[in-house]
PDB file of N, CA and C in Angstrom:
ATOM      1  N   UNK A   1      -4.328 -45.119  55.032  1.00  0.00           N
ATOM      2  CA  UNK A   1      -3.212 -45.975  54.719  1.00  0.00           C
ATOM      3  C   UNK A   1      -1.902 -45.316  55.162  1.00  0.00           C
ATOM      4  N   UNK A   2      -1.785 -44.025  54.930  1.00  0.00           N
ATOM      5  CA  UNK A   2      -0.566 -43.318  55.348  1.00  0.00           C
ATOM      6  C   UNK A   2      -0.439 -43.379  56.862  1.00  0.00           C
ATOM      7  N   UNK A   3      -1.558 -43.191  57.550  1.00  0.00           N
ATOM      8  CA  UNK A   3      -1.544 -43.232  59.009  1.00  0.00           C
ATOM      9  C   UNK A   3      -1.086 -44.596  59.511  1.00  0.00           C
ATOM     10  N   UNK A   4      -1.627 -45.667  58.959  1.00  0.00           N
ATOM     11  CA  UNK A   4      -1.258 -47.019  59.393  1.00  0.00           C
ATOM     12  C   UNK A   4       0.212 -47.288  59.106  1.00  0.00           C
ATOM     13  N   UNK A   5       0.678 -46.934  57.908  1.00  0.00           N
ATOM     14  CA  UNK A   5       2.079 -47.150  57.555  1.00  0.00           C
ATOM     15  C   UNK A   5       3.001 -46.373  58.481  1.00  0.00           C
ATOM     16  N   UNK A   6       2.636 -45.146  58.789  1.00  0.00           N
ATOM     17  CA  UNK A   6       3.467 -44.313  59.656  1.00  0.00           C
ATOM     18  C   UNK A   6       3.526 -44.880  61.066  1.00  0.00           C
ATOM     19  N   UNK A   7       2.381 -45.297  61.599  1.00  0.00           N
ATOM     20  CA  UNK A   7       2.366 -45.814  62.971  1.00  0.00           C
ATOM     21  C   UNK A   7       3.047 -47.170  63.077  1.00  0.00           C
ATOM     22  N   UNK A   8       3.082 -47.953  62.013  1.00  0.00           N
ATOM     23  CA  UNK A   8       3.793 -49.227  62.039  1.00  0.00           C
ATOM     24  C   UNK A   8       5.305 -49.019  62.054  1.00  0.00           C
ATOM     25  N   UNK A   9       5.765 -47.951  61.440  1.00  0.00           N
ATOM     26  CA  UNK A   9       7.196 -47.688  61.359  1.00  0.00           C
ATOM     27  C   UNK A   9       7.737 -46.937  62.573  1.00  0.00           C
ATOM     28  N   UNK A  10       6.881 -46.278  63.288  1.00  0.00           N
ATOM     29  CA  UNK A  10       7.321 -45.528  64.464  1.00  0.00           C
ATOM     30  C   UNK A  10       6.586 -46.050  65.688  1.00  0.00           C
ATOM     31  N   UNK A  11       7.033 -45.617  66.814  1.00  0.00           N
ATOM     32  CA  UNK A  11       6.316 -45.992  68.028  1.00  0.00           C
ATOM     33  C   UNK A  11       5.024 -45.184  68.089  1.00  0.00           C
ATOM     34  N   UNK A  12       4.090 -45.651  68.882  1.00  0.00           N
ATOM     35  CA  UNK A  12       2.807 -44.956  68.976  1.00  0.00           C
ATOM     36  C   UNK A  12       2.848 -43.903  70.075  1.00  0.00           C
ATOM     37  N   UNK A  13       3.994 -43.324  70.251  1.00  0.00           N
ATOM     38  CA  UNK A  13       4.161 -42.256  71.233  1.00  0.00           C
ATOM     39  C   UNK A  13       4.997 -41.166  70.595  1.00  0.00           C
ATOM     40  N   UNK A  14       4.945 -40.023  71.157  1.00  0.00           N
ATOM     41  CA  UNK A  14       5.765 -38.940  70.670  1.00  0.00           C
ATOM     42  C   UNK A  14       5.000 -37.966  69.792  1.00  0.00           C
ATOM     43  N   UNK A  15       5.645 -36.865  69.502  1.00  0.00           N
ATOM     44  CA  UNK A  15       5.021 -35.767  68.776  1.00  0.00           C
ATOM     45  C   UNK A  15       4.557 -36.137  67.372  1.00  0.00           C
ATOM     46  N   UNK A  16       5.367 -36.831  66.560  1.00  0.00           N
ATOM     47  CA  UNK A  16       4.892 -37.141  65.195  1.00  0.00           C
ATOM     48  C   UNK A  16       3.585 -37.947  65.185  1.00  0.00           C
ATOM     49  N   UNK A  17       3.460 -38.879  66.093  1.00  0.00           N
ATOM     50  CA  UNK A  17       2.253 -39.692  66.179  1.00  0.00           C
ATOM     51  C   UNK A  17       1.042 -38.827  66.513  1.00  0.00           C
ATOM     52  N   UNK A  18       1.171 -37.973  67.503  1.00  0.00           N
ATOM     53  CA  UNK A  18       0.047 -37.132  67.916  1.00  0.00           C
ATOM     54  C   UNK A  18      -0.300 -36.069  66.877  1.00  0.00           C
ATOM     55  N   UNK A  19       0.700 -35.544  66.210  1.00  0.00           N
ATOM     56  CA  UNK A  19       0.449 -34.575  65.138  1.00  0.00           C
ATOM     57  C   UNK A  19      -0.332 -35.245  64.008  1.00  0.00           C
ATOM     58  N   UNK A  20       0.084 -36.458  63.638  1.00  0.00           N
ATOM     59  CA  UNK A  20      -0.624 -37.185  62.591  1.00  0.00           C
ATOM     60  C   UNK A  20      -2.049 -37.531  63.014  1.00  0.00           C
ATOM     61  N   UNK A  21      -2.241 -37.851  64.280  1.00  0.00           N
ATOM     62  CA  UNK A  21      -3.594 -38.128  64.790  1.00  0.00           C
ATOM     63  C   UNK A  21      -4.485 -36.889  64.661  1.00  0.00           C
ATOM     64  N   UNK A  22      -3.957 -35.740  65.023  1.00  0.00           N
ATOM     65  CA  UNK A  22      -4.730 -34.503  64.936  1.00  0.00           C
ATOM     66  C   UNK A  22      -5.069 -34.193  63.484  1.00  0.00           C
ATOM     67  N   UNK A  23      -4.103 -34.347  62.586  1.00  0.00           N
ATOM     68  CA  UNK A  23      -4.347 -34.106  61.163  1.00  0.00           C
ATOM     69  C   UNK A  23      -5.419 -35.061  60.641  1.00  0.00           C
ATOM     70  N   UNK A  24      -5.350 -36.323  61.031  1.00  0.00           N
ATOM     71  CA  UNK A  24      -6.329 -37.306  60.584  1.00  0.00           C
ATOM     72  C   UNK A  24      -7.733 -36.948  61.088  1.00  0.00           C
ATOM     73  N   UNK A  25      -7.856 -36.547  62.336  1.00  0.00           N
ATOM     74  CA  UNK A  25      -9.148 -36.166  62.889  1.00  0.00           C
ATOM     75  C   UNK A  25      -9.698 -34.935  62.167  1.00  0.00           C
ATOM     76  N   UNK A  26      -8.842 -33.981  61.860  1.00  0.00           N
ATOM     77  CA  UNK A  26      -9.272 -32.782  61.131  1.00  0.00           C
ATOM     78  C   UNK A  26      -9.798 -33.158  59.751  1.00  0.00           C
ATOM     79  N   UNK A  27      -9.076 -34.036  59.020  1.00  0.00           N
ATOM     80  CA  UNK A  27      -9.533 -34.460  57.698  1.00  0.00           C
ATOM     81  C   UNK A  27     -10.852 -35.220  57.766  1.00  0.00           C
ATOM     82  N   UNK A  28     -11.017 -36.075  58.749  1.00  0.00           N
ATOM     83  CA  UNK A  28     -12.274 -36.809  58.910  1.00  0.00           C
ATOM     84  C   UNK A  28     -13.405 -35.836  59.217  1.00  0.00           C
ATOM     85  N   UNK A  29     -13.167 -34.870  60.084  1.00  0.00           N
ATOM     86  CA  UNK A  29     -14.173 -33.878  60.439  1.00  0.00           C
ATOM     87  C   UNK A  29     -14.588 -33.057  59.223  1.00  0.00           C
ATOM     88  N   UNK A  30     -13.611 -32.580  58.470  1.00  0.00           N
ATOM     89  CA  UNK A  30     -13.897 -31.787  57.273  1.00  0.00           C
ATOM     90  C   UNK A  30     -14.669 -32.630  56.257  1.00  0.00           C
ATOM     91  N   UNK A  31     -14.281 -33.885  56.099  1.00  0.00           N
ATOM     92  CA  UNK A  31     -14.978 -34.780  55.176  1.00  0.00           C
ATOM     93  C   UNK A  31     -16.428 -34.997  55.565  1.00  0.00           C
ATOM     94  N   UNK A  32     -16.681 -35.180  56.858  1.00  0.00           N
ATOM     95  CA  UNK A  32     -18.059 -35.366  57.333  1.00  0.00           C
ATOM     96  C   UNK A  32     -18.883 -34.103  57.119  1.00  0.00           C
ATOM     97  N   UNK A  33     -18.335 -32.968  57.454  1.00  0.00           N
ATOM     98  CA  UNK A  33     -19.055 -31.707  57.275  1.00  0.00           C
ATOM     99  C   UNK A  33     -19.381 -31.502  55.794  1.00  0.00           C
ATOM    100  N   UNK A  34     -18.400 -31.710  54.928  1.00  0.00           N
ATOM    101  CA  UNK A  34     -18.635 -31.529  53.493  1.00  0.00           C
ATOM    102  C   UNK A  34     -19.662 -32.529  52.970  1.00  0.00           C
ATOM    103  N   UNK A  35     -19.588 -33.753  53.442  1.00  0.00           N
ATOM    104  CA  UNK A  35     -20.502 -34.795  52.980  1.00  0.00           C
ATOM    105  C   UNK A  35     -21.961 -34.429  53.210  1.00  0.00           C
ATOM    106  N   UNK A  36     -22.253 -33.826  54.348  1.00  0.00           N
ATOM    107  CA  UNK A  36     -23.639 -33.497  54.672  1.00  0.00           C
ATOM    108  C   UNK A  36     -24.076 -32.109  54.208  1.00  0.00           C
ATOM    109  N   UNK A  37     -23.143 -31.242  53.894  1.00  0.00           N
ATOM    110  CA  UNK A  37     -23.526 -29.866  53.558  1.00  0.00           C
ATOM    111  C   UNK A  37     -22.989 -29.421  52.201  1.00  0.00           C
ATOM    112  N   UNK A  38     -22.675 -30.349  51.340  1.00  0.00           N
ATOM    113  CA  UNK A  38     -22.012 -29.981  50.082  1.00  0.00           C
ATOM    114  C   UNK A  38     -22.849 -29.117  49.150  1.00  0.00           C
ATOM    115  N   UNK A  39     -24.158 -29.239  49.205  1.00  0.00           N
ATOM    116  CA  UNK A  39     -25.007 -28.424  48.332  1.00  0.00           C
ATOM    117  C   UNK A  39     -25.565 -27.197  49.044  1.00  0.00           C
ATOM    118  N   UNK A  40     -24.976 -26.839  50.157  1.00  0.00           N
ATOM    119  CA  UNK A  40     -25.494 -25.786  51.019  1.00  0.00           C
ATOM    120  C   UNK A  40     -25.350 -24.379  50.426  1.00  0.00           C
ATOM    121  N   UNK A  41     -24.289 -24.136  49.702  1.00  0.00           N
ATOM    122  CA  UNK A  41     -24.017 -22.784  49.216  1.00  0.00           C
ATOM    123  C   UNK A  41     -24.490 -22.630  47.776  1.00  0.00           C
ATOM    124  N   UNK A  42     -25.633 -22.021  47.618  1.00  0.00           N
ATOM    125  CA  UNK A  42     -26.193 -21.800  46.294  1.00  0.00           C
ATOM    126  C   UNK A  42     -26.692 -23.067  45.632  1.00  0.00           C
ATOM    127  N   UNK A  43     -26.869 -24.143  46.418  1.00  0.00           N
ATOM    128  CA  UNK A  43     -27.339 -25.399  45.859  1.00  0.00           C
ATOM    129  C   UNK A  43     -26.309 -26.113  45.013  1.00  0.00           C
ATOM    130  N   UNK A  44     -25.024 -25.757  45.187  1.00  0.00           N
ATOM    131  CA  UNK A  44     -23.983 -26.317  44.326  1.00  0.00           C
ATOM    132  C   UNK A  44     -22.817 -26.872  45.138  1.00  0.00           C
ATOM    133  N   UNK A  45     -22.489 -28.132  44.907  1.00  0.00           N
ATOM    134  CA  UNK A  45     -21.256 -28.699  45.448  1.00  0.00           C
ATOM    135  C   UNK A  45     -20.140 -28.402  44.443  1.00  0.00           C
ATOM    136  N   UNK A  46     -18.946 -28.841  44.748  1.00  0.00           N
ATOM    137  CA  UNK A  46     -17.831 -28.632  43.814  1.00  0.00           C
ATOM    138  C   UNK A  46     -18.124 -29.331  42.490  1.00  0.00           C
ATOM    139  N   UNK A  47     -18.587 -30.574  42.561  1.00  0.00           N
ATOM    140  CA  UNK A  47     -18.896 -31.326  41.338  1.00  0.00           C
ATOM    141  C   UNK A  47     -20.063 -30.700  40.588  1.00  0.00           C
ATOM    142  N   UNK A  48     -21.058 -30.215  41.302  1.00  0.00           N
ATOM    143  CA  UNK A  48     -22.209 -29.591  40.631  1.00  0.00           C
ATOM    144  C   UNK A  48     -21.792 -28.304  39.919  1.00  0.00           C
ATOM    145  N   UNK A  49     -20.829 -27.594  40.471  1.00  0.00           N
ATOM    146  CA  UNK A  49     -20.332 -26.391  39.791  1.00  0.00           C
ATOM    147  C   UNK A  49     -19.655 -26.773  38.477  1.00  0.00           C
ATOM    148  N   UNK A  50     -18.873 -27.855  38.500  1.00  0.00           N
ATOM    149  CA  UNK A  50     -18.194 -28.313  37.283  1.00  0.00           C
ATOM    150  C   UNK A  50     -19.213 -28.790  36.248  1.00  0.00           C
ATOM    151  N   UNK A  51     -20.237 -29.516  36.709  1.00  0.00           N
ATOM    152  CA  UNK A  51     -21.250 -30.061  35.807  1.00  0.00           C
ATOM    153  C   UNK A  51     -22.355 -29.059  35.453  1.00  0.00           C
ATOM    154  N   UNK A  52     -22.244 -27.851  36.009  1.00  0.00           N
ATOM    155  CA  UNK A  52     -23.246 -26.793  35.782  1.00  0.00           C
ATOM    156  C   UNK A  52     -24.648 -27.256  36.173  1.00  0.00           C
ATOM    157  N   UNK A  53     -24.756 -27.722  37.411  1.00  0.00           N
ATOM    158  CA  UNK A  53     -26.026 -28.134  37.993  1.00  0.00           C
ATOM    159  C   UNK A  53     -26.206 -27.434  39.329  1.00  0.00           C
ATOM    160  N   UNK A  54     -27.433 -27.461  39.824  1.00  0.00           N
ATOM    161  CA  UNK A  54     -27.690 -26.968  41.173  1.00  0.00           C
ATOM    162  C   UNK A  54     -28.898 -27.696  41.737  1.00  0.00           C
ATOM    163  N   UNK A  55     -29.014 -27.680  43.056  1.00  0.00           N
ATOM    164  CA  UNK A  55     -30.133 -28.310  43.739  1.00  0.00           C
ATOM    165  C   UNK A  55     -31.057 -27.197  44.206  1.00  0.00           C
ATOM    166  N   UNK A  56     -32.329 -27.307  43.819  1.00  0.00           N
ATOM    167  CA  UNK A  56     -33.291 -26.257  44.139  1.00  0.00           C
ATOM    168  C   UNK A  56     -34.528 -26.853  44.797  1.00  0.00           C
ATOM    169  N   UNK A  57     -35.284 -25.981  45.463  1.00  0.00           N
ATOM    170  CA  UNK A  57     -36.583 -26.353  46.011  1.00  0.00           C
ATOM    171  C   UNK A  57     -37.500 -26.701  44.846  1.00  0.00           C
ATOM    172  N   UNK A  58     -38.218 -27.797  44.968  1.00  0.00           N
ATOM    173  CA  UNK A  58     -39.054 -28.260  43.857  1.00  0.00           C
ATOM    174  C   UNK A  58     -40.220 -27.319  43.566  1.00  0.00           C
ATOM    175  N   UNK A  59     -40.684 -26.595  44.562  1.00  0.00           N
ATOM    176  CA  UNK A  59     -41.828 -25.696  44.357  1.00  0.00           C
ATOM    177  C   UNK A  59     -41.424 -24.290  43.927  1.00  0.00           C
ATOM    178  N   UNK A  60     -40.374 -23.755  44.543  1.00  0.00           N
ATOM    179  CA  UNK A  60     -40.013 -22.356  44.284  1.00  0.00           C
ATOM    180  C   UNK A  60     -38.855 -22.186  43.307  1.00  0.00           C
ATOM    181  N   UNK A  61     -38.018 -23.199  43.155  1.00  0.00           N
ATOM    182  CA  UNK A  61     -36.849 -23.078  42.291  1.00  0.00           C
ATOM    183  C   UNK A  61     -35.691 -22.340  42.922  1.00  0.00           C
ATOM    184  N   UNK A  62     -35.790 -22.058  44.218  1.00  0.00           N
ATOM    185  CA  UNK A  62     -34.728 -21.348  44.937  1.00  0.00           C
ATOM    186  C   UNK A  62     -33.683 -22.372  45.399  1.00  0.00           C
ATOM    187  N   UNK A  63     -32.373 -22.068  45.243  1.00  0.00           N
ATOM    188  CA  UNK A  63     -31.329 -22.987  45.708  1.00  0.00           C
ATOM    189  C   UNK A  63     -31.493 -23.310  47.199  1.00  0.00           C
ATOM    190  N   UNK A  64     -31.135 -24.535  47.560  1.00  0.00           N
ATOM    191  CA  UNK A  64     -31.340 -24.992  48.931  1.00  0.00           C
ATOM    192  C   UNK A  64     -30.271 -24.461  49.870  1.00  0.00           C
ATOM    193  N   UNK A  65     -30.549 -24.574  51.153  1.00  0.00           N
ATOM    194  CA  UNK A  65     -29.617 -24.157  52.190  1.00  0.00           C
ATOM    195  C   UNK A  65     -29.116 -25.352  52.980  1.00  0.00           C
ATOM    196  N   UNK A  66     -28.631 -25.087  54.174  1.00  0.00           N
ATOM    197  CA  UNK A  66     -27.985 -26.101  54.990  1.00  0.00           C
ATOM    198  C   UNK A  66     -28.864 -27.243  55.436  1.00  0.00           C
ATOM    199  N   UNK A  67     -30.041 -26.956  55.992  1.00  0.00           N
ATOM    200  CA  UNK A  67     -30.899 -28.017  56.512  1.00  0.00           C
ATOM    201  C   UNK A  67     -31.367 -28.941  55.391  1.00  0.00           C
ATOM    202  N   UNK A  68     -31.744 -28.377  54.280  1.00  0.00           N
ATOM    203  CA  UNK A  68     -32.198 -29.215  53.161  1.00  0.00           C
ATOM    204  C   UNK A  68     -31.045 -30.039  52.589  1.00  0.00           C
ATOM    205  N   UNK A  69     -29.865 -29.475  52.540  1.00  0.00           N
ATOM    206  CA  UNK A  69     -28.698 -30.224  52.075  1.00  0.00           C
ATOM    207  C   UNK A  69     -28.452 -31.414  52.997  1.00  0.00           C
ATOM    208  N   UNK A  70     -28.560 -31.196  54.289  1.00  0.00           N
ATOM    209  CA  UNK A  70     -28.394 -32.275  55.267  1.00  0.00           C
ATOM    210  C   UNK A  70     -29.458 -33.349  55.064  1.00  0.00           C
ATOM    211  N   UNK A  71     -30.708 -32.938  54.889  1.00  0.00           N
ATOM    212  CA  UNK A  71     -31.798 -33.904  54.699  1.00  0.00           C
ATOM    213  C   UNK A  71     -31.591 -34.733  53.432  1.00  0.00           C
ATOM    214  N   UNK A  72     -31.111 -34.110  52.363  1.00  0.00           N
ATOM    215  CA  UNK A  72     -30.861 -34.845  51.114  1.00  0.00           C
ATOM    216  C   UNK A  72     -29.787 -35.895  51.301  1.00  0.00           C
ATOM    217  N   UNK A  73     -28.747 -35.576  52.035  1.00  0.00           N
ATOM    218  CA  UNK A  73     -27.572 -36.441  52.106  1.00  0.00           C
ATOM    219  C   UNK A  73     -27.627 -37.496  53.208  1.00  0.00           C
ATOM    220  N   UNK A  74     -28.410 -37.281  54.233  1.00  0.00           N
ATOM    221  CA  UNK A  74     -28.410 -38.222  55.365  1.00  0.00           C
ATOM    222  C   UNK A  74     -28.889 -39.601  54.941  1.00  0.00           C
ATOM    223  N   UNK A  75     -29.831 -39.679  54.040  1.00  0.00           N
ATOM    224  CA  UNK A  75     -30.390 -40.971  53.633  1.00  0.00           C
ATOM    225  C   UNK A  75     -29.356 -41.832  52.919  1.00  0.00           C
ATOM    226  N   UNK A  76     -28.528 -41.244  52.103  1.00  0.00           N
ATOM    227  CA  UNK A  76     -27.559 -42.006  51.320  1.00  0.00           C
ATOM    228  C   UNK A  76     -26.514 -42.683  52.205  1.00  0.00           C
ATOM    229  N   UNK A  77     -26.386 -42.258  53.445  1.00  0.00           N
ATOM    230  CA  UNK A  77     -25.384 -42.823  54.339  1.00  0.00           C
ATOM    231  C   UNK A  77     -25.855 -44.083  55.060  1.00  0.00           C
ATOM    232  N   UNK A  78     -27.046 -44.524  54.772  1.00  0.00           N
ATOM    233  CA  UNK A  78     -27.537 -45.784  55.319  1.00  0.00           C
ATOM    234  C   UNK A  78     -27.428 -46.836  54.225  1.00  0.00           C
ATOM    235  N   UNK A  79     -26.465 -47.739  54.353  1.00  0.00           N
ATOM    236  CA  UNK A  79     -26.112 -48.695  53.295  1.00  0.00           C
ATOM    237  C   UNK A  79     -27.291 -49.474  52.711  1.00  0.00           C
ATOM    238  N   UNK A  80     -28.228 -49.998  53.511  1.00  0.00           N
ATOM    239  CA  UNK A  80     -29.322 -50.761  52.893  1.00  0.00           C
ATOM    240  C   UNK A  80     -30.200 -49.925  51.973  1.00  0.00           C
ATOM    241  N   UNK A  81     -30.201 -48.640  52.149  1.00  0.00           N
ATOM    242  CA  UNK A  81     -31.053 -47.779  51.334  1.00  0.00           C
ATOM    243  C   UNK A  81     -30.468 -47.468  49.964  1.00  0.00           C
ATOM    244  N   UNK A  82     -29.189 -47.773  49.752  1.00  0.00           N
ATOM    245  CA  UNK A  82     -28.551 -47.444  48.484  1.00  0.00           C
ATOM    246  C   UNK A  82     -29.217 -48.197  47.336  1.00  0.00           C
ATOM    247  N   UNK A  83     -29.523 -49.468  47.525  1.00  0.00           N
ATOM    248  CA  UNK A  83     -30.195 -50.239  46.485  1.00  0.00           C
ATOM    249  C   UNK A  83     -31.582 -49.662  46.202  1.00  0.00           C
ATOM    250  N   UNK A  84     -32.296 -49.301  47.243  1.00  0.00           N
ATOM    251  CA  UNK A  84     -33.618 -48.687  47.070  1.00  0.00           C
ATOM    252  C   UNK A  84     -33.485 -47.359  46.328  1.00  0.00           C
ATOM    253  N   UNK A  85     -32.436 -46.606  46.639  1.00  0.00           N
ATOM    254  CA  UNK A  85     -32.182 -45.338  45.947  1.00  0.00           C
ATOM    255  C   UNK A  85     -31.998 -45.570  44.448  1.00  0.00           C
ATOM    256  N   UNK A  86     -31.202 -46.572  44.089  1.00  0.00           N
ATOM    257  CA  UNK A  86     -30.954 -46.853  42.678  1.00  0.00           C
ATOM    258  C   UNK A  86     -32.236 -47.253  41.950  1.00  0.00           C
ATOM    259  N   UNK A  87     -33.057 -48.078  42.597  1.00  0.00           N
ATOM    260  CA  UNK A  87     -34.333 -48.481  42.000  1.00  0.00           C
ATOM    261  C   UNK A  87     -35.236 -47.265  41.839  1.00  0.00           C
ATOM    262  N   UNK A  88     -35.300 -46.431  42.876  1.00  0.00           N
ATOM    263  CA  UNK A  88     -36.159 -45.249  42.832  1.00  0.00           C
ATOM    264  C   UNK A  88     -35.725 -44.290  41.727  1.00  0.00           C
ATOM    265  N   UNK A  89     -34.432 -44.056  41.590  1.00  0.00           N
ATOM    266  CA  UNK A  89     -33.918 -43.143  40.567  1.00  0.00           C
ATOM    267  C   UNK A  89     -34.242 -43.669  39.168  1.00  0.00           C
ATOM    268  N   UNK A  90     -34.061 -44.966  38.963  1.00  0.00           N
ATOM    269  CA  UNK A  90     -34.297 -45.522  37.626  1.00  0.00           C
ATOM    270  C   UNK A  90     -35.777 -45.609  37.275  1.00  0.00           C
ATOM    271  N   UNK A  91     -36.640 -45.698  38.272  1.00  0.00           N
ATOM    272  CA  UNK A  91     -38.067 -45.841  37.983  1.00  0.00           C
ATOM    273  C   UNK A  91     -38.830 -44.514  38.052  1.00  0.00           C
ATOM    274  N   UNK A  92     -38.202 -43.479  38.563  1.00  0.00           N
ATOM    275  CA  UNK A  92     -38.853 -42.191  38.744  1.00  0.00           C
ATOM    276  C   UNK A  92     -38.626 -41.326  37.502  1.00  0.00           C
ATOM    277  N   UNK A  93     -39.674 -40.768  36.932  1.00  0.00           N
ATOM    278  CA  UNK A  93     -39.512 -39.954  35.714  1.00  0.00           C
ATOM    279  C   UNK A  93     -38.714 -38.685  35.974  1.00  0.00           C
ATOM    280  N   UNK A  94     -38.754 -38.163  37.189  1.00  0.00           N
ATOM    281  CA  UNK A  94     -37.993 -36.960  37.531  1.00  0.00           C
ATOM    282  C   UNK A  94     -36.554 -37.268  37.915  1.00  0.00           C
ATOM    283  N   UNK A  95     -36.220 -38.560  38.044  1.00  0.00           N
ATOM    284  CA  UNK A  95     -34.876 -39.012  38.461  1.00  0.00           C
ATOM    285  C   UNK A  95     -34.510 -38.478  39.839  1.00  0.00           C
ATOM    286  N   UNK A  96     -35.496 -38.376  40.722  1.00  0.00           N
ATOM    287  CA  UNK A  96     -35.248 -37.886  42.079  1.00  0.00           C
ATOM    288  C   UNK A  96     -35.028 -39.069  43.002  1.00  0.00           C
ATOM    289  N   UNK A  97     -34.096 -38.921  43.931  1.00  0.00           N
ATOM    290  CA  UNK A  97     -33.854 -39.983  44.890  1.00  0.00           C
ATOM    291  C   UNK A  97     -34.633 -39.730  46.174  1.00  0.00           C
ATOM    292  N   UNK A  98     -34.534 -40.650  47.126  1.00  0.00           N
ATOM    293  CA  UNK A  98     -35.306 -40.522  48.364  1.00  0.00           C
ATOM    294  C   UNK A  98     -34.966 -39.233  49.102  1.00  0.00           C
ATOM    295  N   UNK A  99     -33.692 -38.884  49.122  1.00  0.00           N
ATOM    296  CA  UNK A  99     -33.286 -37.649  49.782  1.00  0.00           C
ATOM    297  C   UNK A  99     -33.941 -36.430  49.155  1.00  0.00           C
ATOM    298  N   UNK A 100     -34.060 -36.443  47.835  1.00  0.00           N
ATOM    299  CA  UNK A 100     -34.741 -35.343  47.143  1.00  0.00           C
ATOM    300  C   UNK A 100     -36.223 -35.317  47.487  1.00  0.00           C
ATOM    301  N   UNK A 101     -36.842 -36.484  47.536  1.00  0.00           N
ATOM    302  CA  UNK A 101     -38.264 -36.533  47.883  1.00  0.00           C
ATOM    303  C   UNK A 101     -38.495 -36.036  49.302  1.00  0.00           C
ATOM    304  N   UNK A 102     -37.637 -36.437  50.228  1.00  0.00           N
ATOM    305  CA  UNK A 102     -37.789 -36.030  51.627  1.00  0.00           C
ATOM    306  C   UNK A 102     -37.550 -34.531  51.800  1.00  0.00           C
ATOM    307  N   UNK A 103     -36.533 -34.015  51.130  1.00  0.00           N
ATOM    308  CA  UNK A 103     -36.195 -32.597  51.267  1.00  0.00           C
ATOM    309  C   UNK A 103     -36.974 -31.712  50.302  1.00  0.00           C
ATOM    310  N   UNK A 104     -37.765 -32.325  49.427  1.00  0.00           N
ATOM    311  CA  UNK A 104     -38.541 -31.594  48.414  1.00  0.00           C
ATOM    312  C   UNK A 104     -37.619 -30.740  47.526  1.00  0.00           C
ATOM    313  N   UNK A 105     -36.612 -31.426  46.962  1.00  0.00           N
ATOM    314  CA  UNK A 105     -35.641 -30.763  46.101  1.00  0.00           C
ATOM    315  C   UNK A 105     -35.532 -31.504  44.786  1.00  0.00           C
ATOM    316  N   UNK A 106     -34.868 -30.857  43.844  1.00  0.00           N
ATOM    317  CA  UNK A 106     -34.587 -31.472  42.553  1.00  0.00           C
ATOM    318  C   UNK A 106     -33.282 -30.879  42.005  1.00  0.00           C
ATOM    319  N   UNK A 107     -32.537 -31.676  41.264  1.00  0.00           N
ATOM    320  CA  UNK A 107     -31.296 -31.213  40.634  1.00  0.00           C
ATOM    321  C   UNK A 107     -31.656 -30.722  39.239  1.00  0.00           C
ATOM    322  N   UNK A 108     -31.227 -29.502  38.928  1.00  0.00           N
ATOM    323  CA  UNK A 108     -31.522 -28.895  37.619  1.00  0.00           C
ATOM    324  C   UNK A 108     -30.240 -28.358  37.014  1.00  0.00           C
ATOM    325  N   UNK A 109     -30.263 -28.108  35.700  1.00  0.00           N
ATOM    326  CA  UNK A 109     -29.150 -27.451  35.027  1.00  0.00           C
ATOM    327  C   UNK A 109     -29.073 -25.997  35.470  1.00  0.00           C
ATOM    328  N   UNK A 110     -27.863 -25.533  35.685  1.00  0.00           N
ATOM    329  CA  UNK A 110     -27.654 -24.139  36.078  1.00  0.00           C
ATOM    330  C   UNK A 110     -27.463 -23.296  34.823  1.00  0.00           C
ATOM    331  N   UNK A 111     -28.299 -22.324  34.653  1.00  0.00           N
ATOM    332  CA  UNK A 111     -28.257 -21.486  33.443  1.00  0.00           C
ATOM    333  C   UNK A 111     -27.180 -20.410  33.506  1.00  0.00           C
ATOM    334  N   UNK A 112     -26.685 -20.099  34.718  1.00  0.00           N
ATOM    335  CA  UNK A 112     -25.712 -18.999  34.833  1.00  0.00           C
ATOM    336  C   UNK A 112     -24.293 -19.453  34.696  1.00  0.00           C
TER     337      UNK A 112
END
């Protein structure tokens, strides 16, 4: 919204426009990276740290890394699957979603 408002008030040329474009691309890039790798470090995203949770391997209990974090999150980005995710979570006794089943992970309380 800030980008649109700024470009409507100024011409689409010149340094301020290009600086804002670069800043916007950086924020989008950082957002995408975080979206797919948020549980990569110790199995904890920022929200999971606040809620004292972590994502671990279902068999070993070891916190997940980058590839598993990516596998968990990629499914949620396909809009038609969101409804299936909600049904799966509500009907599954472990409350695991499709991403968890695919990556063989589970969210647990963090004891530390």
